[in-house]
Amino acid sequence: MTDTSETMFDDTHTVADQRAGAVRTHGPHPDRADSLRTMVDPDAIYRHASGGQPSWISDTEGVRRPLHIGRWMGGSAATAEDREVDDVILDLCQGPTMDVGCGPGRFTAALAARGVPVLGVDISSAAVEMTRQRGGPALLGDVFDPMPDRGRWRRVLLADGNVGIGGDPVRMLRRARELLHPLGQVVAEFDARPTGVRTRVQRWETHHHVGRWFPWTHVGSDAVGALAEEAGLVLVEVVERSGRCIVAMGVR
């Protein structure tokens, strides 16, 4: 998921955080009201967020960023600019596609509607349920576990910054490479800003609920070439649109 914000900053922010719209709070519990909120499992907070509750990502450094729920859900909930970028991503998914971290299934369902063989994969049963309800096939599981048709997928999609899943983008890209057909491509979304590679421990929050902490790596456009090379991939195409950076990478 991509983060933006609407709040003021203090002078302890990095330039990248200020441009992303992050607000620095004080410590890992931004509003100091965790005792008034309920700790819930990932599926529960997933449902709260997808149901339209205002939601944030907060990290252990004390930075909170609002989530673009409309962008994440897609369709009529997204802006015209977000839908335009989604179309760019969809157009790059030529041939059988695995959508890793498919979330509520906007890409999986859209590809299925286009007649593209596709499989969404997510560790959240709520995400898999939503994807199937939208008409997209989805598998509940961890992408690092055995996956169907390994070595035959023409595209592996890592949208919404999902290259950062697990806090190790090189491992994720190498896994995507393993899943690809030799002539296939990884289609991934990165931060369009030159922010390097930043790993944080973070969690989802709503006004009334908090999720569990998990590692996530944010990768800026300036780091893509080096990461691709380390993972055994080569840049094929880079598209920047509406402040988002979409990259297609082929197998070396």
C-alpha atoms as a PDB file:
ATOM      1  CA  MET A   1       0.000   0.000   0.000  1.00  0.00           C
ATOM      2  CA  THR A   2       1.087   3.511  -0.693  1.00  0.00           C
ATOM      3  CA  ASP A   3       1.044   6.119   2.074  1.00  0.00           C
ATOM      4  CA  THR A   4       0.223   9.836   1.949  1.00  0.00           C
ATOM      5  CA  SER A   5      -0.904  12.334   4.563  1.00  0.00           C
ATOM      6  CA  GLU A   6      -2.523  15.609   5.446  1.00  0.00           C
ATOM      7  CA  THR A   7      -0.841  16.799   8.604  1.00  0.00           C
ATOM      8  CA  MET A   8       1.918  19.105   9.831  1.00  0.00           C
ATOM      9  CA  PHE A   9       5.523  18.124  10.451  1.00  0.00           C
ATOM     10  CA  ASP A  10       8.191  19.011  12.894  1.00  0.00           C
ATOM     11  CA  ASP A  11      11.857  19.471  12.100  1.00  0.00           C
ATOM     12  CA  THR A  12      12.788  15.905  13.079  1.00  0.00           C
ATOM     13  CA  HIS A  13      11.299  14.502   9.857  1.00  0.00           C
ATOM     14  CA  THR A  14      13.389  13.499   6.924  1.00  0.00           C
ATOM     15  CA  VAL A  15      12.636  15.304   3.664  1.00  0.00           C
ATOM     16  CA  ALA A  16      11.206  12.045   2.297  1.00  0.00           C
ATOM     17  CA  ASP A  17       8.805  11.735   5.224  1.00  0.00           C
ATOM     18  CA  GLN A  18       7.696  15.352   4.822  1.00  0.00           C
ATOM     19  CA  ARG A  19       6.976  14.877   1.141  1.00  0.00           C
ATOM     20  CA  ALA A  20       5.063  11.685   1.919  1.00  0.00           C
ATOM     21  CA  GLY A  21       2.908  13.639   4.333  1.00  0.00           C
ATOM     22  CA  ALA A  22       3.915  11.741   7.444  1.00  0.00           C
ATOM     23  CA  VAL A  23       3.361  13.172  10.897  1.00  0.00           C
ATOM     24  CA  ARG A  24       5.871  12.449  13.626  1.00  0.00           C
ATOM     25  CA  THR A  25       4.344  11.559  16.939  1.00  0.00           C
ATOM     26  CA  HIS A  26       6.189  10.687  20.102  1.00  0.00           C
ATOM     27  CA  GLY A  27       7.215   7.053  20.383  1.00  0.00           C
ATOM     28  CA  PRO A  28       5.753   3.874  18.944  1.00  0.00           C
ATOM     29  CA  HIS A  29       2.237   4.564  20.291  1.00  0.00           C
ATOM     30  CA  PRO A  30       1.274   7.753  18.455  1.00  0.00           C
ATOM     31  CA  ASP A  31      -1.845   8.827  20.304  1.00  0.00           C
ATOM     32  CA  ARG A  32      -0.924   7.340  23.682  1.00  0.00           C
ATOM     33  CA  ALA A  33      -4.381   5.763  23.753  1.00  0.00           C
ATOM     34  CA  ASP A  34      -3.607   2.139  23.019  1.00  0.00           C
ATOM     35  CA  SER A  35      -5.239   1.175  26.297  1.00  0.00           C
ATOM     36  CA  LEU A  36      -8.517   2.460  24.822  1.00  0.00           C
ATOM     37  CA  ARG A  37      -8.152   0.558  21.556  1.00  0.00           C
ATOM     38  CA  THR A  38      -8.511  -3.146  20.884  1.00  0.00           C
ATOM     39  CA  MET A  39      -5.642  -5.261  19.598  1.00  0.00           C
ATOM     40  CA  VAL A  40      -7.080  -7.381  16.779  1.00  0.00           C
ATOM     41  CA  ASP A  41      -5.753 -10.006  14.408  1.00  0.00           C
ATOM     42  CA  PRO A  42      -4.766  -9.024  10.843  1.00  0.00           C
ATOM     43  CA  ASP A  43      -8.030 -10.191   9.281  1.00  0.00           C
ATOM     44  CA  ALA A  44     -10.121  -8.161  11.696  1.00  0.00           C
ATOM     45  CA  ILE A  45      -8.252  -4.903  11.139  1.00  0.00           C
ATOM     46  CA  TYR A  46      -8.235  -5.670   7.397  1.00  0.00           C
ATOM     47  CA  ARG A  47     -12.031  -5.777   7.455  1.00  0.00           C
ATOM     48  CA  HIS A  48     -12.269  -2.590   9.523  1.00  0.00           C
ATOM     49  CA  ALA A  49     -10.008  -0.741   7.080  1.00  0.00           C
ATOM     50  CA  SER A  50     -11.680  -2.062   3.942  1.00  0.00           C
ATOM     51  CA  GLY A  51     -15.048  -1.145   5.437  1.00  0.00           C
ATOM     52  CA  GLY A  52     -14.072   2.513   5.205  1.00  0.00           C
ATOM     53  CA  GLN A  53     -12.800   3.279   8.704  1.00  0.00           C
ATOM     54  CA  PRO A  54     -10.080   5.973   8.659  1.00  0.00           C
ATOM     55  CA  SER A  55      -6.836   4.005   8.853  1.00  0.00           C
ATOM     56  CA  TRP A  56      -3.141   4.662   9.341  1.00  0.00           C
ATOM     57  CA  ILE A  57       0.206   2.956   9.219  1.00  0.00           C
ATOM     58  CA  SER A  58       2.318   3.779  12.267  1.00  0.00           C
ATOM     59  CA  ASP A  59       5.890   2.686  12.861  1.00  0.00           C
ATOM     60  CA  THR A  60       8.089   2.168  15.883  1.00  0.00           C
ATOM     61  CA  GLU A  61       9.959   5.387  15.075  1.00  0.00           C
ATOM     62  CA  GLY A  62       6.779   7.309  15.841  1.00  0.00           C
ATOM     63  CA  VAL A  63       5.721   8.228  12.292  1.00  0.00           C
ATOM     64  CA  ARG A  64       2.103   7.840  11.221  1.00  0.00           C
ATOM     65  CA  ARG A  65       0.845   7.890   7.629  1.00  0.00           C
ATOM     66  CA  PRO A  66      -2.797   7.750   6.513  1.00  0.00           C
ATOM     67  CA  LEU A  67      -3.677   4.906   4.171  1.00  0.00           C
ATOM     68  CA  HIS A  68      -5.143   5.482   0.726  1.00  0.00           C
ATOM     69  CA  ILE A  69      -8.108   3.167   1.273  1.00  0.00           C
ATOM     70  CA  GLY A  70      -9.777   4.315  -1.950  1.00  0.00           C
ATOM     71  CA  ARG A  71      -6.674   3.528  -3.987  1.00  0.00           C
ATOM     72  CA  TRP A  72      -6.305   0.163  -2.262  1.00  0.00           C
ATOM     73  CA  MET A  73      -9.921  -0.844  -2.881  1.00  0.00           C
ATOM     74  CA  GLY A  74      -9.888   0.466  -6.448  1.00  0.00           C
ATOM     75  CA  GLY A  75     -12.842   0.911  -8.773  1.00  0.00           C
ATOM     76  CA  SER A  76     -15.162   3.807  -8.052  1.00  0.00           C
ATOM     77  CA  ALA A  77     -13.500   4.344  -4.642  1.00  0.00           C
ATOM     78  CA  ALA A  78     -10.241   5.405  -6.345  1.00  0.00           C
ATOM     79  CA  THR A  79      -9.396   8.722  -7.984  1.00  0.00           C
ATOM     80  CA  ALA A  80      -9.208   9.111 -11.751  1.00  0.00           C
ATOM     81  CA  GLU A  81      -5.403   9.366 -11.452  1.00  0.00           C
ATOM     82  CA  ASP A  82      -5.214   6.126  -9.464  1.00  0.00           C
ATOM     83  CA  ARG A  83      -7.391   4.319 -11.990  1.00  0.00           C
ATOM     84  CA  GLU A  84      -5.135   5.583 -14.780  1.00  0.00           C
ATOM     85  CA  VAL A  85      -2.060   4.143 -13.045  1.00  0.00           C
ATOM     86  CA  ASP A  86      -3.888   0.874 -12.404  1.00  0.00           C
ATOM     87  CA  ASP A  87      -4.565   0.632 -16.143  1.00  0.00           C
ATOM     88  CA  VAL A  88      -0.829   1.049 -16.816  1.00  0.00           C
ATOM     89  CA  ILE A  89      -0.112  -1.831 -14.440  1.00  0.00           C
ATOM     90  CA  LEU A  90      -2.820  -4.000 -15.957  1.00  0.00           C
ATOM     91  CA  ASP A  91      -1.510  -3.364 -19.476  1.00  0.00           C
ATOM     92  CA  LEU A  92       1.937  -4.600 -18.377  1.00  0.00           C
ATOM     93  CA  CYS A  93       0.456  -7.884 -17.152  1.00  0.00           C
ATOM     94  CA  GLN A  94       0.572  -9.811 -20.410  1.00  0.00           C
ATOM     95  CA  GLY A  95       0.000 -13.529 -19.967  1.00  0.00           C
ATOM     96  CA  PRO A  96      -0.633 -15.667 -16.876  1.00  0.00           C
ATOM     97  CA  THR A  97      -0.083 -13.462 -13.828  1.00  0.00           C
ATOM     98  CA  MET A  98       0.425 -14.142 -10.117  1.00  0.00           C
ATOM     99  CA  ASP A  99      -0.709 -11.157  -8.037  1.00  0.00           C
ATOM    100  CA  VAL A 100       1.373 -11.370  -4.852  1.00  0.00           C
ATOM    101  CA  GLY A 101      -0.215  -9.737  -1.825  1.00  0.00           C
ATOM    102  CA  CYS A 102      -3.410  -9.291  -3.817  1.00  0.00           C
ATOM    103  CA  GLY A 103      -5.234  -7.524  -0.981  1.00  0.00           C
ATOM    104  CA  PRO A 104      -8.909  -6.877  -1.751  1.00  0.00           C
ATOM    105  CA  GLY A 105      -8.286  -8.066  -5.303  1.00  0.00           C
ATOM    106  CA  ARG A 106      -8.592  -5.040  -7.526  1.00  0.00           C
ATOM    107  CA  PHE A 107      -5.876  -6.245  -9.920  1.00  0.00           C
ATOM    108  CA  THR A 108      -6.732  -9.938  -9.729  1.00  0.00           C
ATOM    109  CA  ALA A 109     -10.379  -9.270 -10.507  1.00  0.00           C
ATOM    110  CA  ALA A 110      -9.584  -6.762 -13.257  1.00  0.00           C
ATOM    111  CA  LEU A 111      -7.199  -9.170 -14.981  1.00  0.00           C
ATOM    112  CA  ALA A 112      -9.740 -11.976 -14.738  1.00  0.00           C
ATOM    113  CA  ALA A 113     -12.342  -9.673 -16.321  1.00  0.00           C
ATOM    114  CA  ARG A 114      -9.879  -9.057 -19.174  1.00  0.00           C
ATOM    115  CA  GLY A 115      -9.583 -12.802 -19.725  1.00  0.00           C
ATOM    116  CA  VAL A 116      -6.002 -12.969 -18.415  1.00  0.00           C
ATOM    117  CA  PRO A 117      -5.213 -16.163 -16.453  1.00  0.00           C
ATOM    118  CA  VAL A 118      -4.474 -14.860 -12.960  1.00  0.00           C
ATOM    119  CA  LEU A 119      -4.084 -16.008  -9.383  1.00  0.00           C
ATOM    120  CA  GLY A 120      -4.120 -13.724  -6.351  1.00  0.00           C
ATOM    121  CA  VAL A 121      -2.096 -14.805  -3.333  1.00  0.00           C
ATOM    122  CA  ASP A 122      -2.430 -13.362   0.168  1.00  0.00           C
ATOM    123  CA  ILE A 123      -1.843 -14.456   3.767  1.00  0.00           C
ATOM    124  CA  SER A 124      -5.112 -12.806   4.813  1.00  0.00           C
ATOM    125  CA  SER A 125      -8.264 -14.894   4.589  1.00  0.00           C
ATOM    126  CA  ALA A 126     -10.262 -11.649   4.498  1.00  0.00           C
ATOM    127  CA  ALA A 127      -8.275 -10.517   1.440  1.00  0.00           C
ATOM    128  CA  VAL A 128      -8.797 -13.835  -0.310  1.00  0.00           C
ATOM    129  CA  GLU A 129     -12.519 -13.719   0.447  1.00  0.00           C
ATOM    130  CA  MET A 130     -12.846 -10.177  -0.943  1.00  0.00           C
ATOM    131  CA  THR A 131     -10.865 -11.072  -4.058  1.00  0.00           C
ATOM    132  CA  ARG A 132     -13.087 -14.059  -4.769  1.00  0.00           C
ATOM    133  CA  GLN A 133     -16.211 -11.987  -4.184  1.00  0.00           C
ATOM    134  CA  ARG A 134     -14.971  -9.613  -6.894  1.00  0.00           C
ATOM    135  CA  GLY A 135     -14.610 -12.480  -9.340  1.00  0.00           C
ATOM    136  CA  GLY A 136     -10.866 -13.108  -9.037  1.00  0.00           C
ATOM    137  CA  PRO A 137      -9.355 -16.498  -8.183  1.00  0.00           C
ATOM    138  CA  ALA A 138      -7.253 -16.313  -5.021  1.00  0.00           C
ATOM    139  CA  LEU A 139      -5.115 -18.607  -2.892  1.00  0.00           C
ATOM    140  CA  LEU A 140      -4.620 -18.284   0.863  1.00  0.00           C
ATOM    141  CA  GLY A 141      -0.927 -18.696   1.570  1.00  0.00           C
ATOM    142  CA  ASP A 142       2.562 -17.284   1.920  1.00  0.00           C
ATOM    143  CA  VAL A 143       4.305 -16.652  -1.404  1.00  0.00           C
ATOM    144  CA  PHE A 144       7.466 -18.237   0.035  1.00  0.00           C
ATOM    145  CA  ASP A 145       5.635 -21.520   0.520  1.00  0.00           C
ATOM    146  CA  PRO A 146       5.244 -23.917  -2.447  1.00  0.00           C
ATOM    147  CA  MET A 147       3.195 -22.167  -5.120  1.00  0.00           C
ATOM    148  CA  PRO A 148       1.352 -23.605  -8.126  1.00  0.00           C
ATOM    149  CA  ASP A 149       2.987 -23.431 -11.577  1.00  0.00           C
ATOM    150  CA  ARG A 150       6.367 -22.307 -10.284  1.00  0.00           C
ATOM    151  CA  GLY A 151       8.569 -21.326 -13.214  1.00  0.00           C
ATOM    152  CA  ARG A 152       5.632 -20.844 -15.588  1.00  0.00           C
ATOM    153  CA  TRP A 153       4.127 -17.468 -14.711  1.00  0.00           C
ATOM    154  CA  ARG A 154       4.575 -14.838 -17.403  1.00  0.00           C
ATOM    155  CA  ARG A 155       4.105 -12.046 -14.893  1.00  0.00           C
ATOM    156  CA  VAL A 156       4.508 -11.742 -11.142  1.00  0.00           C
ATOM    157  CA  LEU A 157       2.808  -8.586  -9.887  1.00  0.00           C
ATOM    158  CA  LEU A 158       4.041  -6.709  -6.803  1.00  0.00           C
ATOM    159  CA  ALA A 159       1.702  -3.714  -6.738  1.00  0.00           C
ATOM    160  CA  ASP A 160       1.278  -1.122  -3.977  1.00  0.00           C
ATOM    161  CA  GLY A 161       4.875  -1.454  -2.838  1.00  0.00           C
ATOM    162  CA  ASN A 162       4.510  -5.174  -2.115  1.00  0.00           C
ATOM    163  CA  VAL A 163       8.167  -5.690  -2.926  1.00  0.00           C
ATOM    164  CA  GLY A 164       8.565  -4.579   0.708  1.00  0.00           C
ATOM    165  CA  ILE A 165       6.634  -7.505   2.180  1.00  0.00           C
ATOM    166  CA  GLY A 166       8.623  -9.102   4.973  1.00  0.00           C
ATOM    167  CA  GLY A 167      11.227  -6.339   5.067  1.00  0.00           C
ATOM    168  CA  ASP A 168      13.574  -7.921   2.501  1.00  0.00           C
ATOM    169  CA  PRO A 169      12.999  -6.710  -1.084  1.00  0.00           C
ATOM    170  CA  VAL A 170      15.875  -8.723  -2.564  1.00  0.00           C
ATOM    171  CA  ARG A 171      14.432 -11.938  -1.127  1.00  0.00           C
ATOM    172  CA  MET A 172      11.014 -10.999  -2.498  1.00  0.00           C
ATOM    173  CA  LEU A 173      12.377 -10.246  -5.974  1.00  0.00           C
ATOM    174  CA  ARG A 174      14.369 -13.490  -5.991  1.00  0.00           C
ATOM    175  CA  ARG A 175      11.231 -15.399  -5.070  1.00  0.00           C
ATOM    176  CA  ALA A 176       9.336 -13.654  -7.861  1.00  0.00           C
ATOM    177  CA  ARG A 177      12.122 -14.628 -10.255  1.00  0.00           C
ATOM    178  CA  GLU A 178      11.764 -18.277  -9.188  1.00  0.00           C
ATOM    179  CA  LEU A 179       8.061 -18.181 -10.010  1.00  0.00           C
ATOM    180  CA  LEU A 180       8.593 -16.677 -13.472  1.00  0.00           C
ATOM    181  CA  HIS A 181       8.813 -18.340 -16.841  1.00  0.00           C
ATOM    182  CA  PRO A 182      12.299 -17.680 -18.298  1.00  0.00           C
ATOM    183  CA  LEU A 183      10.733 -15.087 -20.612  1.00  0.00           C
ATOM    184  CA  GLY A 184       8.517 -13.616 -17.908  1.00  0.00           C
ATOM    185  CA  GLN A 185       8.663 -10.298 -16.077  1.00  0.00           C
ATOM    186  CA  VAL A 186       8.168  -8.961 -12.581  1.00  0.00           C
ATOM    187  CA  VAL A 187       5.879  -5.913 -12.582  1.00  0.00           C
ATOM    188  CA  ALA A 188       6.451  -3.924  -9.390  1.00  0.00           C
ATOM    189  CA  GLU A 189       5.504  -0.559  -7.952  1.00  0.00           C
ATOM    190  CA  PHE A 190       8.125   1.529  -6.167  1.00  0.00           C
ATOM    191  CA  ASP A 191       8.187   4.925  -4.507  1.00  0.00           C
ATOM    192  CA  ALA A 192       8.688   7.470  -7.292  1.00  0.00           C
ATOM    193  CA  ARG A 193      10.848   9.584  -4.974  1.00  0.00           C
ATOM    194  CA  PRO A 194      14.594   8.890  -4.559  1.00  0.00           C
ATOM    195  CA  THR A 195      14.297   7.610  -0.991  1.00  0.00           C
ATOM    196  CA  GLY A 196      16.679   4.627  -1.116  1.00  0.00           C
ATOM    197  CA  VAL A 197      15.781   1.527   0.887  1.00  0.00           C
ATOM    198  CA  ARG A 198      14.160   2.035   4.284  1.00  0.00           C
ATOM    199  CA  THR A 199      12.948  -0.827   6.478  1.00  0.00           C
ATOM    200  CA  ARG A 200      10.509  -0.091   9.265  1.00  0.00           C
ATOM    201  CA  VAL A 201       8.492  -2.069  11.783  1.00  0.00           C
ATOM    202  CA  GLN A 202       4.924  -0.875  11.468  1.00  0.00           C
ATOM    203  CA  ARG A 203       1.283  -1.696  12.042  1.00  0.00           C
ATOM    204  CA  TRP A 204      -2.212  -0.780  10.879  1.00  0.00           C
ATOM    205  CA  GLU A 205      -4.390   1.384  13.101  1.00  0.00           C
ATOM    206  CA  THR A 206      -7.936   2.699  13.131  1.00  0.00           C
ATOM    207  CA  HIS A 207      -9.582   4.923  15.730  1.00  0.00           C
ATOM    208  CA  HIS A 208     -10.670   1.887  17.723  1.00  0.00           C
ATOM    209  CA  HIS A 209      -8.295  -0.928  16.732  1.00  0.00           C
ATOM    210  CA  VAL A 210      -4.600  -1.676  16.330  1.00  0.00           C
ATOM    211  CA  GLY A 211      -2.941  -4.543  14.490  1.00  0.00           C
ATOM    212  CA  ARG A 212       0.274  -6.402  15.108  1.00  0.00           C
ATOM    213  CA  TRP A 213       3.722  -5.048  14.269  1.00  0.00           C
ATOM    214  CA  PHE A 214       5.337  -6.302  11.053  1.00  0.00           C
ATOM    215  CA  PRO A 215       8.448  -5.412   9.018  1.00  0.00           C
ATOM    216  CA  TRP A 216       8.059  -3.552   5.727  1.00  0.00           C
ATOM    217  CA  THR A 217      10.626  -2.051   3.364  1.00  0.00           C
ATOM    218  CA  HIS A 218       9.970   1.106   1.379  1.00  0.00           C
ATOM    219  CA  VAL A 219      12.016   1.237  -1.840  1.00  0.00           C
ATOM    220  CA  GLY A 220      12.641   4.459  -3.734  1.00  0.00           C
ATOM    221  CA  SER A 221      13.134   4.742  -7.487  1.00  0.00           C
ATOM    222  CA  ASP A 222      16.854   5.372  -7.042  1.00  0.00           C
ATOM    223  CA  ALA A 223      17.361   1.893  -5.546  1.00  0.00           C
ATOM    224  CA  VAL A 224      15.484  -0.171  -8.134  1.00  0.00           C
ATOM    225  CA  GLY A 225      18.390  -0.901 -10.499  1.00  0.00           C
ATOM    226  CA  ALA A 226      20.707  -2.198  -7.782  1.00  0.00           C
ATOM    227  CA  LEU A 227      18.001  -4.356  -6.199  1.00  0.00           C
ATOM    228  CA  ALA A 228      17.020  -5.822  -9.558  1.00  0.00           C
ATOM    229  CA  GLU A 229      20.616  -6.704 -10.354  1.00  0.00           C
ATOM    230  CA  GLU A 230      21.133  -8.348  -6.965  1.00  0.00           C
ATOM    231  CA  ALA A 231      17.998 -10.420  -7.502  1.00  0.00           C
ATOM    232  CA  GLY A 232      19.058 -11.587 -10.965  1.00  0.00           C
ATOM    233  CA  LEU A 233      16.683  -9.313 -12.855  1.00  0.00           C
ATOM    234  CA  VAL A 234      17.168  -6.588 -15.449  1.00  0.00           C
ATOM    235  CA  LEU A 235      15.106  -3.442 -15.975  1.00  0.00           C
ATOM    236  CA  VAL A 236      12.878  -3.647 -19.045  1.00  0.00           C
ATOM    237  CA  GLU A 237      10.536  -0.696 -18.685  1.00  0.00           C
ATOM    238  CA  VAL A 238       9.985   2.147 -16.209  1.00  0.00           C
ATOM    239  CA  VAL A 239       6.731   4.140 -16.215  1.00  0.00           C
ATOM    240  CA  GLU A 240       6.202   7.156 -13.952  1.00  0.00           C
ATOM    241  CA  ARG A 241       2.666   8.425 -13.754  1.00  0.00           C
ATOM    242  CA  SER A 242       0.822  10.572 -11.190  1.00  0.00           C
ATOM    243  CA  GLY A 243       3.680  10.351  -8.704  1.00  0.00           C
ATOM    244  CA  ARG A 244       3.918   6.559  -8.899  1.00  0.00           C
ATOM    245  CA  CYS A 245       6.695   4.435 -10.378  1.00  0.00           C
ATOM    246  CA  ILE A 246       5.934   1.147 -12.149  1.00  0.00           C
ATOM    247  CA  VAL A 247       8.834  -1.052 -13.231  1.00  0.00           C
ATOM    248  CA  ALA A 248       8.923  -4.185 -15.403  1.00  0.00           C
ATOM    249  CA  MET A 249      11.939  -6.441 -14.841  1.00  0.00           C
ATOM    250  CA  GLY A 250      12.969  -9.470 -16.859  1.00  0.00           C
ATOM    251  CA  VAL A 251      15.024 -12.528 -15.934  1.00  0.00           C
ATOM    252  CA  ARG A 252      18.777 -12.182 -16.552  1.00  0.00           C
END
